[in-house]
Amino acid sequence: MLSFLVWLLLLVVCWPLALLALVLYPLIWLLLLPFRLIGFAVNGVFEFLRSVLLLPARILRGRPV
C-alpha cells in the first residue's frame, strides 16, 4: 500500500517518470526472479546442513519430561 501511495505521489510530481517506472517494474521483476530462486535454493541447503549438524544434539537431548 505504501509503494502504491509513493507511486501516486510520483505520478503527481513527475508523471513521465512514474509511467516509466510502471513499465519497467515487470521487466526488472523478471530479471531478478532467477536470483530469488537461487536464494531459496541456497537457504534450503543451509537449513538442511543446520538440521544435519544439530541432529546428534536433538537425539542426545531425548524427550522432554
Protein backbone atom coordinates (compact mmCIF):
# COMPACT_ATOMS: atom_id res chain seq x y z
CA MET A 1 0.00 0.00 0.00
CA LEU A 2 2.84 2.36 0.83
CA SER A 3 4.56 1.71 -2.50
CA PHE A 4 1.30 2.49 -4.31
CA LEU A 5 1.00 5.79 -2.44
CA VAL A 6 4.60 6.65 -3.29
CA TRP A 7 3.86 5.84 -6.94
CA LEU A 8 0.80 8.12 -6.84
CA LEU A 9 2.96 10.90 -5.41
CA LEU A 10 5.49 10.32 -8.17
CA LEU A 11 2.66 10.42 -10.69
CA VAL A 12 1.60 13.84 -9.45
CA VAL A 13 5.15 15.21 -9.25
CA CYS A 14 6.67 13.73 -12.40
CA TRP A 15 4.26 11.67 -14.47
CA PRO A 16 6.74 10.55 -17.20
CA LEU A 17 8.99 9.01 -14.57
CA ALA A 18 6.01 7.33 -12.92
CA LEU A 19 4.91 5.82 -16.24
CA LEU A 20 8.46 4.64 -16.93
CA ALA A 21 8.55 3.00 -13.51
CA LEU A 22 5.21 1.36 -14.23
CA VAL A 23 6.56 -0.11 -17.48
CA LEU A 24 9.98 -1.15 -16.16
CA TYR A 25 8.78 -2.77 -12.91
CA PRO A 26 7.65 -6.07 -14.51
CA LEU A 27 10.84 -6.29 -16.57
CA ILE A 28 13.06 -5.75 -13.54
CA TRP A 29 10.99 -8.30 -11.59
CA LEU A 30 11.55 -10.86 -14.35
CA LEU A 31 15.29 -10.14 -14.41
CA LEU A 32 15.58 -10.60 -10.63
CA LEU A 33 13.47 -13.77 -10.49
CA PRO A 34 16.38 -16.21 -11.07
CA PHE A 35 18.31 -14.63 -8.20
CA ARG A 36 15.32 -15.08 -5.90
CA LEU A 37 15.08 -18.75 -6.90
CA ILE A 38 18.80 -19.22 -6.24
CA GLY A 39 18.29 -17.58 -2.86
CA PHE A 40 15.52 -20.04 -1.99
CA ALA A 41 17.73 -22.96 -3.02
CA VAL A 42 20.73 -21.73 -1.01
CA ASN A 43 18.50 -21.13 2.02
CA GLY A 44 17.19 -24.69 1.71
CA VAL A 45 20.71 -26.10 1.57
CA PHE A 46 21.73 -24.13 4.66
CA GLU A 47 18.65 -25.28 6.57
CA PHE A 48 19.41 -28.90 5.60
CA LEU A 49 23.03 -28.59 6.77
CA ARG A 50 21.87 -27.00 10.01
CA SER A 51 19.44 -29.83 10.67
CA VAL A 52 22.09 -32.46 9.89
CA LEU A 53 24.61 -30.80 12.21
CA LEU A 54 22.11 -30.42 15.05
CA LEU A 55 20.67 -33.93 14.72
CA PRO A 56 23.06 -35.56 17.24
CA ALA A 57 22.20 -32.93 19.85
CA ARG A 58 18.49 -33.48 19.29
CA ILE A 59 18.92 -37.24 19.64
CA LEU A 60 21.02 -36.94 22.82
CA ARG A 61 18.63 -34.47 24.39
CA GLY A 62 15.86 -37.06 24.43
CA ARG A 63 12.19 -36.49 25.06
CA PRO A 64 11.12 -33.58 27.23
CA VAL A 65 9.68 -34.68 30.55
